[in-house]
Amino acid sequence: MYLDQAKKQEIFGKYGKSNADTGSAESQIALFSYRISHLTEHLKKNHKDHATARSLTILVGKRRALLDYLYDRDINRYRAIVKALGLRR
């Protein structure tokens, strides 16, 4: 599988407060971004996979909602995660 437990721990350790920090907005945004990039590559090869396209749209919406939440609550944390992941508003 493309996203095993070790990869999740790596993402949470890099963007969260610790390896066990799975619930913070930053770690969730980082996890969603990883999954979005994987699904995007999959859809480049399999353009007729409509279920994956729908899942990708849902994930992008979830990530956008978390980014909006972070923007409203703490602009400095928002700027840090956007810069770290290379996202743009």
Protein backbone atom coordinates (compact mmCIF):
# COMPACT_ATOMS: atom_id res chain seq x y z
CA MET A 1 0.00 0.00 0.00
CA TYR A 2 1.24 3.49 -0.78
CA LEU A 3 0.53 4.90 2.69
CA ASP A 4 1.72 2.54 5.39
CA GLN A 5 2.09 3.24 9.10
CA ALA A 6 5.76 4.20 8.80
CA LYS A 7 5.01 6.84 6.16
CA LYS A 8 2.23 8.29 8.32
CA GLN A 9 4.57 8.47 11.31
CA GLU A 10 7.14 10.24 9.14
CA ILE A 11 4.57 12.83 8.00
CA PHE A 12 3.23 13.37 11.52
CA GLY A 13 6.76 13.67 12.90
CA LYS A 14 7.78 16.21 10.29
CA TYR A 15 4.71 18.48 10.35
CA GLY A 16 3.11 17.75 13.73
CA LYS A 17 4.39 18.41 17.20
CA SER A 18 5.46 14.77 17.58
CA ASN A 19 5.01 11.36 15.94
CA ALA A 20 1.85 10.86 18.01
CA ASP A 21 0.35 14.22 16.98
CA THR A 22 -2.21 12.95 14.49
CA GLY A 23 -4.99 15.43 15.15
CA SER A 24 -3.41 18.83 14.66
CA ALA A 25 -4.46 20.81 11.62
CA GLU A 26 -0.89 20.92 10.31
CA SER A 27 -0.42 17.16 10.39
CA GLN A 28 -3.81 16.53 8.80
CA ILE A 29 -3.11 19.05 6.03
CA ALA A 30 0.25 17.41 5.37
CA LEU A 31 -1.36 13.96 5.22
CA PHE A 32 -4.07 15.20 2.86
CA SER A 33 -1.43 16.84 0.66
CA TYR A 34 0.51 13.58 0.41
CA ARG A 35 -2.65 11.67 -0.50
CA ILE A 36 -3.68 14.34 -3.03
CA SER A 37 -0.31 14.16 -4.79
CA HIS A 38 -0.55 10.36 -4.94
CA LEU A 39 -4.09 10.42 -6.35
CA THR A 40 -3.11 13.09 -8.88
CA GLU A 41 -0.34 10.86 -10.21
CA HIS A 42 -2.76 7.93 -10.36
CA LEU A 43 -5.29 9.97 -12.34
CA LYS A 44 -2.65 11.05 -14.86
CA LYS A 45 -2.25 7.38 -15.79
CA ASN A 46 -5.90 6.32 -15.31
CA HIS A 47 -8.02 9.23 -16.50
CA LYS A 48 -11.23 7.18 -16.64
CA ASP A 49 -11.15 6.31 -12.94
CA HIS A 50 -14.10 8.44 -11.85
CA ALA A 51 -14.25 7.10 -8.29
CA THR A 52 -10.69 8.25 -7.66
CA ALA A 53 -11.44 11.61 -9.26
CA ARG A 54 -14.34 12.06 -6.86
CA SER A 55 -12.16 11.04 -3.90
CA LEU A 56 -9.55 13.56 -5.00
CA THR A 57 -12.16 16.32 -5.12
CA ILE A 58 -13.36 15.43 -1.63
CA LEU A 59 -9.80 15.43 -0.25
CA VAL A 60 -9.05 18.82 -1.78
CA GLY A 61 -12.20 20.19 -0.15
CA LYS A 62 -11.23 18.77 3.23
CA ARG A 63 -7.75 20.24 2.96
CA ARG A 64 -9.18 23.61 1.92
CA ALA A 65 -11.54 23.58 4.91
CA LEU A 66 -8.66 22.86 7.30
CA LEU A 67 -6.55 25.59 5.70
CA ASP A 68 -9.43 28.05 6.06
CA TYR A 69 -9.84 27.04 9.70
CA LEU A 70 -6.15 27.57 10.35
CA TYR A 71 -6.23 30.91 8.51
CA ASP A 72 -9.05 32.13 10.75
CA ARG A 73 -7.54 30.85 14.01
CA ASP A 74 -3.80 31.45 13.68
CA ILE A 75 -2.37 33.18 10.62
CA ASN A 76 1.24 32.36 11.58
CA ARG A 77 0.58 28.60 11.71
CA TYR A 78 -1.26 28.92 8.38
CA ARG A 79 1.68 30.69 6.74
CA ALA A 80 4.13 28.13 8.14
CA ILE A 81 2.27 25.10 6.78
CA VAL A 82 1.62 26.73 3.40
CA LYS A 83 5.31 27.55 3.08
CA ALA A 84 6.43 24.10 4.26
CA LEU A 85 4.17 22.27 1.81
CA GLY A 86 4.60 24.71 -1.06
CA LEU A 87 0.89 25.42 -1.36
CA ARG A 88 -0.60 28.65 -2.62
CA ARG A 89 -3.76 30.44 -1.69
